[in-house]
Amino acid sequence: MKAFLTICMIAAAPFVWAGEPPAHSPAAAAAVKGEVLEVKEVENYSYLRLKTRDGETWAAVNKTQVRKGSEVTIENVMVMHNFESKSLKKTFPTILFGTLGGAGNYVSTAHAGLANPADSADVRVPKASGANARTVAEIMTKSAELKNKPVVVRGKVVKYNPNIMGKNWVHLRDGSGSAADKTNDVLVTTMSQAKAGDIVTAKGIVRTDKDFGSGYSYRVLVEDATLQP
């Protein structure tokens, strides 16, 4: 079956074509153009089935109004394989994540924007209790000491991006730290759900120097966390 993908922006791993590769390399391409054959809407994203010059493919962009039959361009493309959308209850063998036109950064990079922005000014959340309790600032400034260790942190959800690479991506602030040195905000990945503005307690493992590819990396984050009110 002829491959229908025209681009891969993941430099960290080789791209495997679904069938026979095209005669030319698509690695330098920056966008995919196509006709919208089908639109599926979920809370934060629009899933588009596209007819491109190389065949049909699915793409996901930030939720927007797109009509069937319109011509669109997906920019800043990143390819995901075997991506499961829990909202649609569907697994896509291959899907393109990107932005519609020049609208912004990757849909699939949770740190790239405020999917559900919350007012983060004057956040004041009491520190969690227990032996592993840490403030956001402590996690960010003592990451070498806390690497691969469990922590408990309580904070306000200021960013929430659901169902990306099989996880929910949550940014927490508790009023500690400083925006100037980027110690006032910590990323948490979790299967638990939340919404911007919630006060939650996250229990997870501190990871450092995490690289997700495509030039996106985190110096510190908390992974595999559970969230409780």
N, C-alpha and C. Protein backbone atom coordinates (compact mmCIF):
# COMPACT_ATOMS: atom_id res chain seq x y z
N MET A 1 0.85 -1.18 0.00
CA MET A 1 0.00 0.00 0.00
C MET A 1 0.88 1.23 0.00
N LYS A 2 0.53 2.15 -0.88
CA LYS A 2 1.35 3.34 -1.00
C LYS A 2 1.28 4.17 0.27
N ALA A 3 2.39 4.64 0.74
CA ALA A 3 2.40 5.44 1.96
C ALA A 3 1.65 6.74 1.75
N PHE A 4 0.93 7.19 2.80
CA PHE A 4 0.19 8.43 2.68
C PHE A 4 0.79 9.55 3.51
N LEU A 5 1.88 9.28 4.19
CA LEU A 5 2.51 10.33 4.98
C LEU A 5 3.55 11.06 4.15
N THR A 6 3.67 12.36 4.34
CA THR A 6 4.62 13.14 3.57
C THR A 6 5.66 13.84 4.40
N ILE A 7 5.65 13.60 5.73
CA ILE A 7 6.59 14.35 6.55
C ILE A 7 6.85 13.67 7.88
N CYS A 8 8.02 13.78 8.40
CA CYS A 8 8.26 13.36 9.79
C CYS A 8 9.22 14.37 10.39
N MET A 9 8.84 14.97 11.49
CA MET A 9 9.66 15.97 12.13
C MET A 9 10.36 15.43 13.37
N ILE A 10 10.29 14.12 13.58
CA ILE A 10 10.91 13.55 14.78
C ILE A 10 12.34 13.17 14.45
N ALA A 11 13.26 14.00 14.90
CA ALA A 11 14.65 13.76 14.56
C ALA A 11 15.30 12.69 15.42
N ALA A 12 14.70 12.44 16.56
CA ALA A 12 15.32 11.53 17.52
C ALA A 12 15.20 10.07 17.13
N ALA A 13 14.33 9.73 16.19
CA ALA A 13 14.15 8.34 15.82
C ALA A 13 13.87 8.25 14.33
N PRO A 14 14.30 7.17 13.66
CA PRO A 14 14.06 7.03 12.24
C PRO A 14 12.58 6.85 11.96
N PHE A 15 12.13 7.34 10.79
CA PHE A 15 10.74 7.22 10.41
C PHE A 15 10.54 5.98 9.57
N VAL A 16 9.53 5.20 9.93
CA VAL A 16 9.24 3.97 9.20
C VAL A 16 7.99 4.19 8.36
N TRP A 17 8.09 3.99 7.06
CA TRP A 17 6.96 4.19 6.17
C TRP A 17 6.00 3.02 6.27
N ALA A 18 4.69 3.32 6.05
CA ALA A 18 3.66 2.30 6.15
C ALA A 18 3.72 1.32 4.99
N GLY A 19 4.34 1.70 3.91
CA GLY A 19 4.46 0.82 2.75
C GLY A 19 5.72 1.16 1.99
N GLU A 20 5.67 1.11 0.66
CA GLU A 20 6.84 1.47 -0.11
C GLU A 20 7.10 2.96 0.03
N PRO A 21 8.35 3.35 0.27
CA PRO A 21 8.64 4.77 0.42
C PRO A 21 8.53 5.48 -0.91
N PRO A 22 8.25 6.81 -0.89
CA PRO A 22 8.20 7.55 -2.14
C PRO A 22 9.57 7.67 -2.75
N ALA A 23 9.59 8.09 -4.00
CA ALA A 23 10.87 8.18 -4.71
C ALA A 23 11.76 9.27 -4.15
N HIS A 24 11.15 10.31 -3.54
CA HIS A 24 11.95 11.39 -2.98
C HIS A 24 11.77 11.42 -1.47
N SER A 25 12.72 12.04 -0.79
CA SER A 25 12.63 12.13 0.66
C SER A 25 11.77 13.31 1.06
N PRO A 26 10.82 13.14 1.98
CA PRO A 26 9.95 14.24 2.40
C PRO A 26 10.45 14.96 3.64
N ALA A 27 11.63 14.61 4.12
CA ALA A 27 12.05 15.07 5.44
C ALA A 27 12.15 16.59 5.54
N ALA A 28 12.38 17.26 4.40
CA ALA A 28 12.56 18.70 4.44
C ALA A 28 11.23 19.45 4.40
N ALA A 29 10.13 18.77 4.14
CA ALA A 29 8.84 19.42 4.04
C ALA A 29 8.42 19.98 5.39
N ALA A 30 7.61 21.04 5.37
CA ALA A 30 7.20 21.67 6.61
C ALA A 30 5.69 21.69 6.79
N ALA A 31 4.97 21.18 5.81
CA ALA A 31 3.51 21.26 5.89
C ALA A 31 2.88 20.15 5.06
N VAL A 32 1.63 19.87 5.37
CA VAL A 32 0.84 18.92 4.61
C VAL A 32 -0.44 19.62 4.19
N LYS A 33 -0.77 19.55 2.90
CA LYS A 33 -1.97 20.19 2.38
C LYS A 33 -2.97 19.12 1.97
N GLY A 34 -4.25 19.43 2.15
CA GLY A 34 -5.25 18.46 1.73
C GLY A 34 -6.67 18.99 1.83
N GLU A 35 -7.59 18.20 1.30
CA GLU A 35 -9.02 18.51 1.37
C GLU A 35 -9.61 17.80 2.57
N VAL A 36 -10.44 18.50 3.33
CA VAL A 36 -11.07 17.92 4.52
C VAL A 36 -12.22 17.02 4.09
N LEU A 37 -12.09 15.73 4.37
CA LEU A 37 -13.14 14.76 4.04
C LEU A 37 -14.07 14.50 5.21
N GLU A 38 -13.57 14.70 6.43
CA GLU A 38 -14.36 14.39 7.62
C GLU A 38 -13.79 15.17 8.80
N VAL A 39 -14.68 15.60 9.69
CA VAL A 39 -14.27 16.34 10.89
C VAL A 39 -14.87 15.67 12.12
N LYS A 40 -14.05 15.42 13.13
CA LYS A 40 -14.53 14.90 14.41
C LYS A 40 -14.06 15.86 15.49
N GLU A 41 -15.00 16.39 16.27
CA GLU A 41 -14.68 17.37 17.31
C GLU A 41 -14.67 16.71 18.69
N VAL A 42 -13.66 17.05 19.49
CA VAL A 42 -13.64 16.70 20.90
C VAL A 42 -13.43 17.99 21.68
N GLU A 43 -13.21 17.88 22.98
CA GLU A 43 -13.20 19.08 23.82
C GLU A 43 -12.19 20.12 23.37
N ASN A 44 -10.97 19.69 23.08
CA ASN A 44 -9.92 20.66 22.78
C ASN A 44 -9.37 20.58 21.36
N TYR A 45 -9.71 19.52 20.62
CA TYR A 45 -9.10 19.31 19.32
C TYR A 45 -10.13 19.06 18.23
N SER A 46 -9.72 19.35 17.02
CA SER A 46 -10.45 18.95 15.82
C SER A 46 -9.64 17.89 15.10
N TYR A 47 -10.24 16.72 14.89
CA TYR A 47 -9.59 15.66 14.12
C TYR A 47 -10.09 15.74 12.69
N LEU A 48 -9.17 15.80 11.74
CA LEU A 48 -9.51 16.00 10.34
C LEU A 48 -9.01 14.83 9.51
N ARG A 49 -9.92 14.23 8.74
CA ARG A 49 -9.50 13.22 7.75
C ARG A 49 -9.25 13.97 6.45
N LEU A 50 -8.02 13.87 5.98
CA LEU A 50 -7.60 14.67 4.84
C LEU A 50 -7.31 13.82 3.61
N LYS A 51 -7.61 14.37 2.46
CA LYS A 51 -7.20 13.79 1.18
C LYS A 51 -6.02 14.60 0.69
N THR A 52 -4.83 13.99 0.72
CA THR A 52 -3.62 14.68 0.28
C THR A 52 -3.17 14.10 -1.05
N ARG A 53 -2.11 14.65 -1.58
CA ARG A 53 -1.61 14.16 -2.88
C ARG A 53 -1.09 12.73 -2.77
N ASP A 54 -0.79 12.28 -1.56
CA ASP A 54 -0.28 10.93 -1.36
C ASP A 54 -1.31 9.98 -0.77
N GLY A 55 -2.56 10.43 -0.70
CA GLY A 55 -3.60 9.57 -0.15
C GLY A 55 -4.25 10.19 1.07
N GLU A 56 -5.01 9.40 1.81
CA GLU A 56 -5.73 9.90 2.98
C GLU A 56 -4.92 9.74 4.26
N THR A 57 -5.12 10.68 5.17
CA THR A 57 -4.49 10.62 6.49
C THR A 57 -5.33 11.41 7.47
N TRP A 58 -5.16 11.14 8.75
CA TRP A 58 -5.81 11.90 9.80
C TRP A 58 -4.83 12.92 10.37
N ALA A 59 -5.36 14.06 10.78
CA ALA A 59 -4.55 15.09 11.44
C ALA A 59 -5.34 15.64 12.62
N ALA A 60 -4.65 16.15 13.62
CA ALA A 60 -5.28 16.77 14.79
C ALA A 60 -4.71 18.16 14.99
N VAL A 61 -5.61 19.13 15.18
CA VAL A 61 -5.22 20.52 15.42
C VAL A 61 -6.02 21.06 16.59
N ASN A 62 -5.59 22.21 17.13
CA ASN A 62 -6.40 22.84 18.16
C ASN A 62 -7.81 23.06 17.65
N LYS A 63 -8.80 22.92 18.52
CA LYS A 63 -10.20 22.96 18.11
C LYS A 63 -10.50 24.24 17.35
N THR A 64 -11.09 24.07 16.19
CA THR A 64 -11.40 25.21 15.34
C THR A 64 -12.56 24.85 14.42
N GLN A 65 -13.10 25.84 13.76
CA GLN A 65 -14.20 25.61 12.83
C GLN A 65 -13.63 25.30 11.45
N VAL A 66 -13.76 24.06 11.04
CA VAL A 66 -13.31 23.63 9.72
C VAL A 66 -14.45 22.89 9.05
N ARG A 67 -14.76 23.26 7.82
CA ARG A 67 -15.88 22.63 7.13
C ARG A 67 -15.41 21.55 6.16
N LYS A 68 -16.22 20.53 6.05
CA LYS A 68 -15.96 19.46 5.09
C LYS A 68 -15.86 20.05 3.70
N GLY A 69 -14.86 19.62 2.95
CA GLY A 69 -14.66 20.11 1.59
C GLY A 69 -13.68 21.26 1.48
N SER A 70 -13.30 21.85 2.61
CA SER A 70 -12.36 22.96 2.56
C SER A 70 -10.94 22.47 2.38
N GLU A 71 -10.11 23.32 1.84
CA GLU A 71 -8.69 23.02 1.65
C GLU A 71 -7.92 23.61 2.82
N VAL A 72 -7.08 22.78 3.47
CA VAL A 72 -6.33 23.24 4.63
C VAL A 72 -4.85 22.89 4.49
N THR A 73 -4.05 23.59 5.26
CA THR A 73 -2.63 23.28 5.37
C THR A 73 -2.30 23.04 6.83
N ILE A 74 -1.70 21.88 7.11
CA ILE A 74 -1.26 21.56 8.47
C ILE A 74 0.23 21.84 8.55
N GLU A 75 0.61 22.76 9.44
CA GLU A 75 2.01 23.15 9.59
C GLU A 75 2.61 22.57 10.87
N ASN A 76 3.94 22.68 10.98
CA ASN A 76 4.66 22.20 12.17
C ASN A 76 4.30 20.76 12.50
N VAL A 77 4.34 19.93 11.49
CA VAL A 77 3.81 18.57 11.63
C VAL A 77 4.72 17.67 12.45
N MET A 78 4.11 16.86 13.32
CA MET A 78 4.80 15.79 14.01
C MET A 78 3.96 14.53 13.86
N VAL A 79 4.58 13.42 13.53
CA VAL A 79 3.88 12.17 13.27
C VAL A 79 3.82 11.32 14.52
N MET A 80 2.64 10.79 14.82
CA MET A 80 2.48 9.86 15.93
C MET A 80 1.96 8.53 15.38
N HIS A 81 2.48 7.43 15.91
CA HIS A 81 2.05 6.10 15.49
C HIS A 81 1.25 5.44 16.62
N ASN A 82 0.20 4.72 16.24
CA ASN A 82 -0.64 3.99 17.20
C ASN A 82 -1.13 4.91 18.32
N PHE A 83 -1.62 6.08 17.92
CA PHE A 83 -2.10 7.07 18.89
C PHE A 83 -3.55 6.77 19.25
N GLU A 84 -3.81 6.65 20.56
CA GLU A 84 -5.15 6.35 21.03
C GLU A 84 -5.84 7.63 21.52
N SER A 85 -6.99 7.94 20.91
CA SER A 85 -7.82 9.04 21.38
C SER A 85 -8.90 8.45 22.27
N LYS A 86 -8.80 8.73 23.56
CA LYS A 86 -9.81 8.21 24.48
C LYS A 86 -11.15 8.90 24.26
N SER A 87 -11.11 10.16 23.83
CA SER A 87 -12.35 10.89 23.58
C SER A 87 -13.14 10.27 22.43
N LEU A 88 -12.43 9.86 21.39
CA LEU A 88 -13.08 9.26 20.22
C LEU A 88 -13.19 7.74 20.34
N LYS A 89 -12.50 7.17 21.34
CA LYS A 89 -12.44 5.72 21.49
C LYS A 89 -11.94 5.08 20.20
N LYS A 90 -10.84 5.64 19.72
CA LYS A 90 -10.29 5.20 18.43
C LYS A 90 -8.78 5.27 18.49
N THR A 91 -8.12 4.27 17.91
CA THR A 91 -6.67 4.28 17.79
C THR A 91 -6.30 4.53 16.34
N PHE A 92 -5.49 5.55 16.11
CA PHE A 92 -5.05 5.91 14.77
C PHE A 92 -3.70 5.23 14.51
N PRO A 93 -3.59 4.38 13.49
CA PRO A 93 -2.30 3.78 13.18
C PRO A 93 -1.22 4.84 12.96
N THR A 94 -1.63 5.93 12.28
CA THR A 94 -0.74 7.07 12.09
C THR A 94 -1.59 8.33 12.07
N ILE A 95 -1.11 9.37 12.72
CA ILE A 95 -1.83 10.64 12.73
C ILE A 95 -0.82 11.77 12.76
N LEU A 96 -1.18 12.89 12.14
CA LEU A 96 -0.32 14.07 12.11
C LEU A 96 -0.82 15.08 13.14
N PHE A 97 0.05 15.52 14.03
CA PHE A 97 -0.28 16.60 14.95
C PHE A 97 0.39 17.86 14.45
N GLY A 98 -0.34 18.96 14.47
CA GLY A 98 0.24 20.21 13.99
C GLY A 98 -0.70 21.37 14.20
N THR A 99 -0.49 22.44 13.46
CA THR A 99 -1.30 23.64 13.56
C THR A 99 -1.93 23.95 12.22
N LEU A 100 -3.09 24.55 12.27
CA LEU A 100 -3.81 24.91 11.06
C LEU A 100 -3.31 26.25 10.56
N GLY A 101 -2.78 26.25 9.35
CA GLY A 101 -2.21 27.48 8.82
C GLY A 101 -1.01 27.88 9.64
N GLY A 102 -0.98 29.12 10.10
CA GLY A 102 0.13 29.59 10.93
C GLY A 102 -0.31 29.89 12.34
N ALA A 103 -1.23 29.07 12.87
CA ALA A 103 -1.91 29.41 14.11
C ALA A 103 -1.07 29.31 15.37
N GLY A 104 0.06 28.60 15.37
CA GLY A 104 0.83 28.53 16.62
C GLY A 104 1.72 27.33 16.69
N ASN A 105 1.94 26.81 17.88
CA ASN A 105 2.86 25.71 18.10
C ASN A 105 2.18 24.37 18.00
N TYR A 106 2.94 23.30 18.18
CA TYR A 106 2.40 21.96 18.08
C TYR A 106 1.23 21.75 19.02
N VAL A 107 0.20 21.08 18.52
CA VAL A 107 -0.85 20.62 19.42
C VAL A 107 -0.27 19.65 20.42
N SER A 108 0.67 18.85 19.95
CA SER A 108 1.12 17.74 20.77
C SER A 108 2.17 18.10 21.81
N THR A 109 2.56 19.38 21.89
CA THR A 109 3.52 19.77 22.90
C THR A 109 2.79 20.50 23.99
N ALA A 110 2.64 19.86 25.11
CA ALA A 110 1.80 20.39 26.17
C ALA A 110 2.35 21.68 26.75
N HIS A 111 3.64 21.90 26.64
CA HIS A 111 4.23 23.09 27.20
C HIS A 111 4.16 24.26 26.27
N ALA A 112 3.64 24.09 25.06
CA ALA A 112 3.74 25.13 24.05
C ALA A 112 2.72 26.24 24.22
N GLY A 113 1.65 26.04 24.93
CA GLY A 113 0.65 27.09 25.06
C GLY A 113 -0.33 26.77 26.16
N LEU A 114 -1.29 27.66 26.34
CA LEU A 114 -2.30 27.48 27.37
C LEU A 114 -3.55 26.92 26.74
N ALA A 115 -3.73 25.61 26.80
CA ALA A 115 -4.92 25.00 26.24
C ALA A 115 -6.16 25.43 27.01
N ASN A 116 -6.06 25.45 28.33
CA ASN A 116 -7.13 25.94 29.19
C ASN A 116 -6.51 26.87 30.22
N PRO A 117 -6.26 28.13 29.87
CA PRO A 117 -5.52 29.00 30.78
C PRO A 117 -6.31 29.31 32.03
N ALA A 118 -5.61 29.37 33.15
CA ALA A 118 -6.21 29.77 34.42
C ALA A 118 -5.45 30.98 34.94
N ASP A 119 -6.11 31.81 35.71
CA ASP A 119 -5.46 32.96 36.29
C ASP A 119 -4.40 32.48 37.28
N SER A 120 -3.13 32.71 36.96
CA SER A 120 -2.05 32.20 37.81
C SER A 120 -1.42 33.30 38.65
N ALA A 121 -2.00 34.50 38.60
CA ALA A 121 -1.47 35.58 39.42
C ALA A 121 -1.84 35.35 40.88
N ASP A 122 -0.90 35.67 41.77
CA ASP A 122 -1.15 35.58 43.22
C ASP A 122 -1.63 34.21 43.66
N VAL A 123 -1.06 33.15 43.07
CA VAL A 123 -1.39 31.79 43.50
C VAL A 123 -0.80 31.56 44.88
N ARG A 124 -1.62 31.07 45.80
CA ARG A 124 -1.15 30.75 47.15
C ARG A 124 -1.80 29.43 47.57
N VAL A 125 -1.04 28.34 47.51
CA VAL A 125 -1.56 27.03 47.85
C VAL A 125 -0.67 26.44 48.95
N PRO A 126 -1.25 26.01 50.07
CA PRO A 126 -0.44 25.43 51.15
C PRO A 126 0.31 24.18 50.69
N LYS A 127 1.47 23.98 51.24
CA LYS A 127 2.30 22.83 50.91
C LYS A 127 1.62 21.54 51.36
N ALA A 128 1.78 20.49 50.57
CA ALA A 128 1.24 19.18 50.94
C ALA A 128 1.94 18.67 52.20
N SER A 129 1.34 17.69 52.84
CA SER A 129 1.93 17.12 54.05
C SER A 129 2.52 15.74 53.75
N GLY A 130 3.41 15.26 54.61
CA GLY A 130 4.01 13.95 54.43
C GLY A 130 5.50 14.03 54.15
N ALA A 131 6.15 12.87 54.23
CA ALA A 131 7.61 12.80 54.11
C ALA A 131 8.12 13.26 52.75
N ASN A 132 7.35 13.01 51.70
CA ASN A 132 7.80 13.36 50.35
C ASN A 132 7.22 14.67 49.85
N ALA A 133 6.59 15.44 50.72
CA ALA A 133 5.96 16.69 50.31
C ALA A 133 7.00 17.72 49.91
N ARG A 134 6.75 18.36 48.79
CA ARG A 134 7.65 19.40 48.28
C ARG A 134 6.82 20.54 47.70
N THR A 135 7.39 21.73 47.71
CA THR A 135 6.78 22.84 46.99
C THR A 135 7.24 22.76 45.53
N VAL A 136 6.59 23.52 44.69
CA VAL A 136 7.01 23.58 43.29
C VAL A 136 8.46 24.05 43.20
N ALA A 137 8.80 25.09 43.94
CA ALA A 137 10.16 25.63 43.89
C ALA A 137 11.19 24.61 44.35
N GLU A 138 10.86 23.82 45.37
CA GLU A 138 11.79 22.80 45.85
C GLU A 138 12.04 21.74 44.78
N ILE A 139 11.00 21.35 44.07
CA ILE A 139 11.19 20.36 43.00
C ILE A 139 12.08 20.92 41.90
N MET A 140 11.86 22.18 41.56
CA MET A 140 12.63 22.78 40.47
C MET A 140 14.08 23.06 40.86
N THR A 141 14.32 23.47 42.09
CA THR A 141 15.67 23.85 42.50
C THR A 141 16.49 22.69 43.06
N LYS A 142 15.80 21.63 43.52
CA LYS A 142 16.50 20.47 44.09
C LYS A 142 16.33 19.23 43.22
N SER A 143 16.23 19.45 41.92
CA SER A 143 15.95 18.35 40.99
C SER A 143 17.03 17.29 40.99
N ALA A 144 18.29 17.70 41.14
CA ALA A 144 19.38 16.71 41.16
C ALA A 144 19.24 15.78 42.35
N GLU A 145 18.88 16.34 43.49
CA GLU A 145 18.69 15.55 44.71
C GLU A 145 17.45 14.67 44.64
N LEU A 146 16.40 15.16 43.94
CA LEU A 146 15.12 14.46 43.90
C LEU A 146 14.96 13.55 42.68
N LYS A 147 15.93 13.54 41.80
CA LYS A 147 15.83 12.76 40.57
C LYS A 147 15.45 11.30 40.84
N ASN A 148 14.42 10.85 40.13
CA ASN A 148 13.93 9.46 40.21
C ASN A 148 13.35 9.11 41.58
N LYS A 149 13.01 10.13 42.36
CA LYS A 149 12.42 9.90 43.67
C LYS A 149 10.96 10.36 43.69
N PRO A 150 10.14 9.75 44.55
CA PRO A 150 8.73 10.16 44.63
C PRO A 150 8.58 11.50 45.34
N VAL A 151 7.62 12.28 44.88
CA VAL A 151 7.31 13.55 45.54
C VAL A 151 5.80 13.71 45.61
N VAL A 152 5.38 14.56 46.53
CA VAL A 152 3.98 14.96 46.63
C VAL A 152 3.97 16.48 46.58
N VAL A 153 3.23 17.05 45.64
CA VAL A 153 3.19 18.50 45.49
C VAL A 153 1.74 18.93 45.32
N ARG A 154 1.37 19.98 46.02
CA ARG A 154 0.01 20.51 45.92
C ARG A 154 0.05 21.87 45.23
N GLY A 155 -0.83 22.08 44.27
CA GLY A 155 -0.81 23.33 43.55
C GLY A 155 -2.06 23.58 42.74
N LYS A 156 -2.08 24.71 42.08
CA LYS A 156 -3.19 25.11 41.22
C LYS A 156 -2.87 24.76 39.78
N VAL A 157 -3.85 24.17 39.09
CA VAL A 157 -3.67 23.83 37.67
C VAL A 157 -3.78 25.11 36.86
N VAL A 158 -2.67 25.52 36.24
CA VAL A 158 -2.69 26.73 35.42
C VAL A 158 -2.68 26.42 33.93
N LYS A 159 -2.32 25.18 33.57
CA LYS A 159 -2.42 24.72 32.19
C LYS A 159 -2.83 23.26 32.22
N TYR A 160 -3.70 22.88 31.27
CA TYR A 160 -4.11 21.48 31.20
C TYR A 160 -4.31 21.11 29.74
N ASN A 161 -3.55 20.11 29.27
CA ASN A 161 -3.65 19.61 27.91
C ASN A 161 -3.93 18.11 27.98
N PRO A 162 -5.15 17.68 27.66
CA PRO A 162 -5.50 16.27 27.80
C PRO A 162 -5.14 15.41 26.60
N ASN A 163 -4.96 14.12 26.88
CA ASN A 163 -4.90 13.10 25.84
C ASN A 163 -3.86 13.39 24.76
N ILE A 164 -2.63 13.65 25.20
CA ILE A 164 -1.51 13.86 24.30
C ILE A 164 -0.49 12.77 24.56
N MET A 165 -0.19 12.00 23.53
CA MET A 165 0.72 10.87 23.66
C MET A 165 0.29 9.95 24.79
N GLY A 166 -1.03 9.79 24.94
CA GLY A 166 -1.57 8.87 25.92
C GLY A 166 -1.54 9.37 27.35
N LYS A 167 -1.28 10.68 27.54
CA LYS A 167 -1.21 11.24 28.89
C LYS A 167 -1.93 12.58 28.93
N ASN A 168 -2.22 13.04 30.14
CA ASN A 168 -2.68 14.40 30.37
C ASN A 168 -1.50 15.21 30.92
N TRP A 169 -1.36 16.43 30.44
CA TRP A 169 -0.22 17.27 30.78
C TRP A 169 -0.71 18.46 31.60
N VAL A 170 -0.20 18.56 32.83
CA VAL A 170 -0.70 19.53 33.80
C VAL A 170 0.45 20.40 34.30
N HIS A 171 0.24 21.70 34.28
CA HIS A 171 1.21 22.62 34.89
C HIS A 171 0.66 23.10 36.22
N LEU A 172 1.46 22.96 37.28
CA LEU A 172 1.05 23.35 38.63
C LEU A 172 1.89 24.51 39.15
N ARG A 173 1.21 25.40 39.89
CA ARG A 173 1.90 26.46 40.62
C ARG A 173 1.31 26.53 42.02
N ASP A 174 2.16 26.88 43.00
CA ASP A 174 1.68 26.99 44.38
C ASP A 174 2.04 28.31 45.03
N GLY A 175 2.65 29.21 44.26
CA GLY A 175 3.05 30.50 44.80
C GLY A 175 4.51 30.56 45.17
N SER A 176 5.19 29.41 45.19
CA SER A 176 6.62 29.39 45.49
C SER A 176 7.40 29.61 44.20
N GLY A 177 8.67 29.92 44.35
CA GLY A 177 9.53 30.08 43.19
C GLY A 177 9.35 31.42 42.50
N SER A 178 10.05 31.54 41.38
CA SER A 178 10.07 32.81 40.66
C SER A 178 9.93 32.57 39.16
N ALA A 179 9.13 33.41 38.52
CA ALA A 179 8.99 33.31 37.07
C ALA A 179 10.31 33.67 36.38
N ALA A 180 11.09 34.54 37.01
CA ALA A 180 12.34 34.99 36.40
C ALA A 180 13.32 33.86 36.18
N ASP A 181 13.39 32.92 37.15
CA ASP A 181 14.31 31.79 36.99
C ASP A 181 13.57 30.47 36.72
N LYS A 182 12.29 30.59 36.38
CA LYS A 182 11.47 29.44 35.96
C LYS A 182 11.38 28.36 37.03
N THR A 183 11.23 28.80 38.28
CA THR A 183 11.09 27.84 39.37
C THR A 183 9.69 27.87 39.98
N ASN A 184 8.76 28.57 39.35
CA ASN A 184 7.41 28.73 39.91
C ASN A 184 6.37 27.83 39.25
N ASP A 185 6.80 26.95 38.34
CA ASP A 185 5.85 26.15 37.55
C ASP A 185 6.47 24.79 37.31
N VAL A 186 5.71 23.72 37.57
CA VAL A 186 6.22 22.38 37.32
C VAL A 186 5.23 21.62 36.45
N LEU A 187 5.75 20.88 35.48
CA LEU A 187 4.92 20.04 34.62
C LEU A 187 4.72 18.69 35.26
N VAL A 188 3.47 18.20 35.22
CA VAL A 188 3.12 16.89 35.73
C VAL A 188 2.41 16.12 34.62
N THR A 189 2.86 14.88 34.34
CA THR A 189 2.14 14.03 33.40
C THR A 189 1.38 12.98 34.18
N THR A 190 0.15 12.71 33.75
CA THR A 190 -0.74 11.87 34.54
C THR A 190 -1.84 11.28 33.67
N MET A 191 -2.44 10.21 34.16
CA MET A 191 -3.64 9.66 33.54
C MET A 191 -4.89 10.25 34.19
N SER A 192 -4.71 10.93 35.32
CA SER A 192 -5.83 11.56 36.02
C SER A 192 -6.30 12.79 35.24
N GLN A 193 -7.55 13.14 35.44
CA GLN A 193 -8.11 14.30 34.77
C GLN A 193 -8.20 15.48 35.73
N ALA A 194 -8.18 16.67 35.15
CA ALA A 194 -8.32 17.89 35.93
C ALA A 194 -8.79 18.98 34.98
N LYS A 195 -8.92 20.18 35.50
CA LYS A 195 -9.22 21.32 34.63
C LYS A 195 -8.50 22.54 35.19
N ALA A 196 -8.28 23.51 34.33
CA ALA A 196 -7.59 24.72 34.75
C ALA A 196 -8.34 25.36 35.90
N GLY A 197 -7.61 25.75 36.93
CA GLY A 197 -8.20 26.36 38.11
C GLY A 197 -8.36 25.42 39.28
N ASP A 198 -8.29 24.11 39.03
CA ASP A 198 -8.40 23.13 40.12
C ASP A 198 -7.20 23.22 41.06
N ILE A 199 -7.44 22.95 42.34
CA ILE A 199 -6.37 22.76 43.32
C ILE A 199 -6.23 21.25 43.52
N VAL A 200 -5.05 20.70 43.23
CA VAL A 200 -4.87 19.26 43.29
C VAL A 200 -3.57 18.91 44.02
N THR A 201 -3.52 17.67 44.49
CA THR A 201 -2.28 17.11 45.05
C THR A 201 -1.79 16.04 44.09
N ALA A 202 -0.57 16.22 43.60
CA ALA A 202 0.03 15.29 42.63
C ALA A 202 1.08 14.44 43.32
N LYS A 203 1.01 13.12 43.09
CA LYS A 203 2.00 12.19 43.61
C LYS A 203 2.64 11.50 42.42
N GLY A 204 3.96 11.71 42.24
CA GLY A 204 4.64 11.13 41.09
C GLY A 204 6.14 11.06 41.30
N ILE A 205 6.87 10.83 40.21
CA ILE A 205 8.32 10.64 40.26
C ILE A 205 9.01 11.79 39.53
N VAL A 206 10.00 12.37 40.16
CA VAL A 206 10.74 13.47 39.55
C VAL A 206 11.68 12.92 38.46
N ARG A 207 11.61 13.51 37.28
CA ARG A 207 12.52 13.17 36.19
C ARG A 207 13.24 14.44 35.75
N THR A 208 14.46 14.27 35.26
CA THR A 208 15.22 15.42 34.80
C THR A 208 15.73 15.19 33.38
N ASP A 209 15.94 16.31 32.69
CA ASP A 209 16.50 16.29 31.33
C ASP A 209 15.72 15.33 30.44
N LYS A 210 14.42 15.49 30.41
CA LYS A 210 13.54 14.63 29.62
C LYS A 210 13.37 15.24 28.23
N ASP A 211 13.70 14.47 27.20
CA ASP A 211 13.61 14.94 25.82
C ASP A 211 12.53 14.15 25.09
N PHE A 212 11.50 14.85 24.61
CA PHE A 212 10.41 14.19 23.90
C PHE A 212 10.60 14.25 22.39
N GLY A 213 11.74 14.76 21.93
CA GLY A 213 11.99 14.88 20.50
C GLY A 213 11.47 16.18 19.93
N SER A 214 11.73 16.39 18.65
CA SER A 214 11.30 17.59 17.91
C SER A 214 11.80 18.88 18.56
N GLY A 215 12.90 18.80 19.31
CA GLY A 215 13.45 19.98 19.93
C GLY A 215 12.80 20.38 21.24
N TYR A 216 11.86 19.56 21.74
CA TYR A 216 11.15 19.88 22.97
C TYR A 216 11.68 19.03 24.12
N SER A 217 12.12 19.70 25.18
CA SER A 217 12.67 18.98 26.31
C SER A 217 12.36 19.74 27.59
N TYR A 218 12.41 19.02 28.71
CA TYR A 218 12.18 19.60 30.02
C TYR A 218 13.37 19.34 30.92
N ARG A 219 13.75 20.36 31.65
CA ARG A 219 14.82 20.19 32.62
C ARG A 219 14.32 19.39 33.81
N VAL A 220 13.07 19.65 34.22
CA VAL A 220 12.48 18.95 35.37
C VAL A 220 11.00 18.73 35.09
N LEU A 221 10.47 17.57 35.47
CA LEU A 221 9.04 17.33 35.46
C LEU A 221 8.72 16.20 36.43
N VAL A 222 7.43 16.03 36.71
CA VAL A 222 6.97 14.94 37.56
C VAL A 222 6.14 14.02 36.68
N GLU A 223 6.56 12.74 36.58
CA GLU A 223 5.89 11.80 35.67
C GLU A 223 5.08 10.76 36.44
N ASP A 224 4.18 10.11 35.68
CA ASP A 224 3.38 8.98 36.18
C ASP A 224 2.67 9.35 37.48
N ALA A 225 2.10 10.54 37.50
CA ALA A 225 1.49 11.03 38.73
C ALA A 225 0.02 10.68 38.83
N THR A 226 -0.47 10.65 40.05
CA THR A 226 -1.90 10.59 40.32
C THR A 226 -2.31 11.93 40.91
N LEU A 227 -3.52 12.36 40.60
CA LEU A 227 -4.01 13.65 41.09
C LEU A 227 -5.19 13.40 42.02
N GLN A 228 -5.19 14.12 43.13
CA GLN A 228 -6.30 14.08 44.07
C GLN A 228 -6.69 15.50 44.44
N PRO A 229 -7.98 15.74 44.67
CA PRO A 229 -8.42 17.10 45.06
C PRO A 229 -7.75 17.56 46.34
